[in-house]
């Protein structure tokens, strides 16, 4: 399930909303086009997001493949994890 687009999307959306809730922000119903900074993510919250997603998905796309500052939208974040998971499945 986690290697499917829907599974990865669900984990990313749930994790984003969990962190927003902890930061006392309202949950978001994502379209994917939202800019991560526009929904309330500071650099500290983004670091927390990456740590939690690595634990949940078992991958860190920012270790070798991507630069965090290049990921701007929720869909770009999902795609980074999807591509990293696909590459690790092939290797």
Protein backbone atom coordinates (compact mmCIF):
# COMPACT_ATOMS: atom_id res chain seq x y z
CA UNK A 1 0.00 0.00 0.00
CA UNK A 2 2.73 2.49 0.86
CA UNK A 3 4.29 2.12 -2.56
CA UNK A 4 1.05 3.11 -4.25
CA UNK A 5 0.35 6.74 -5.02
CA UNK A 6 -2.82 6.70 -2.92
CA UNK A 7 -1.02 5.17 0.06
CA UNK A 8 1.81 7.68 -0.04
CA UNK A 9 -0.64 10.54 -0.56
CA UNK A 10 -2.69 9.48 2.45
CA UNK A 11 0.38 9.24 4.69
CA UNK A 12 1.67 12.65 3.57
CA UNK A 13 -1.74 14.33 3.97
CA UNK A 14 -2.33 12.75 7.38
CA UNK A 15 1.14 13.71 8.60
CA UNK A 16 0.77 17.28 7.36
CA UNK A 17 -2.55 17.64 9.19
CA UNK A 18 -1.20 15.99 12.34
CA UNK A 19 1.61 18.53 12.50
CA UNK A 20 -0.75 21.41 11.73
CA UNK A 21 -3.05 20.24 14.52
CA UNK A 22 -0.13 20.09 16.97
CA UNK A 23 0.81 23.63 15.89
CA UNK A 24 -2.77 24.66 16.65
CA UNK A 25 -3.62 25.33 13.01
CA UNK A 26 -6.73 24.18 11.22
CA UNK A 27 -6.57 20.95 9.20
CA UNK A 28 -6.46 21.27 5.43
CA UNK A 29 -8.26 19.32 2.74
CA UNK A 30 -5.45 19.10 0.21
CA UNK A 31 -5.66 19.43 -3.55
CA UNK A 32 -1.91 19.01 -3.89
CA UNK A 33 -1.28 22.43 -5.34
CA UNK A 34 -0.89 24.07 -1.94
CA UNK A 35 2.48 25.59 -1.25
CA UNK A 36 3.86 24.06 1.93
CA UNK A 37 4.84 27.44 3.32
CA UNK A 38 1.37 28.86 2.59
CA UNK A 39 -0.35 26.26 4.78
CA UNK A 40 1.73 27.30 7.79
CA UNK A 41 4.91 25.24 7.66
CA UNK A 42 7.97 26.95 9.07
CA UNK A 43 11.44 25.48 8.68
CA UNK A 44 11.09 23.81 12.08
CA UNK A 45 7.74 22.23 11.18
CA UNK A 46 9.16 21.15 7.82
CA UNK A 47 12.05 19.40 9.59
CA UNK A 48 9.55 17.63 11.83
CA UNK A 49 7.51 16.65 8.77
CA UNK A 50 10.52 15.08 7.06
CA UNK A 51 11.45 13.13 10.19
CA UNK A 52 7.91 11.82 10.61
CA UNK A 53 7.55 10.92 6.93
CA UNK A 54 10.86 9.07 6.98
CA UNK A 55 9.63 7.03 9.94
CA UNK A 56 6.25 6.34 8.33
CA UNK A 57 7.44 5.64 4.79
CA UNK A 58 10.92 4.28 5.43
CA UNK A 59 12.57 6.63 2.97
CA UNK A 60 14.27 10.02 2.92
CA UNK A 61 14.23 11.61 -0.54
CA UNK A 62 16.37 14.46 0.76
CA UNK A 63 19.29 12.19 1.61
CA UNK A 64 20.50 11.98 -1.99
CA UNK A 65 17.82 12.69 -4.59
CA UNK A 66 16.23 16.04 -3.68
CA UNK A 67 16.97 19.36 -2.04
CA UNK A 68 14.33 20.39 0.51
CA UNK A 69 14.18 23.96 -0.77
CA UNK A 70 13.22 22.68 -4.26
CA UNK A 71 10.01 21.10 -2.92
CA UNK A 72 7.34 23.77 -2.82
CA UNK A 73 3.93 22.08 -3.09
CA UNK A 74 2.23 19.15 -1.42
CA UNK A 75 2.18 17.25 -4.74
CA UNK A 76 5.93 17.82 -5.21
CA UNK A 77 6.50 16.40 -1.73
CA UNK A 78 4.38 13.34 -2.53
CA UNK A 79 6.20 12.83 -5.83
CA UNK A 80 9.59 13.03 -4.10
CA UNK A 81 8.62 10.23 -1.73
CA UNK A 82 6.97 8.18 -4.49
CA UNK A 83 10.02 8.38 -6.76
CA UNK A 84 12.40 7.61 -3.90
CA UNK A 85 10.36 4.57 -2.86
CA UNK A 86 10.16 3.35 -6.46
CA UNK A 87 13.91 3.75 -6.92
CA UNK A 88 14.64 1.83 -3.73
CA UNK A 89 12.27 -0.97 -4.80
CA UNK A 90 14.18 -1.37 -8.07
CA UNK A 91 17.63 -1.29 -6.45
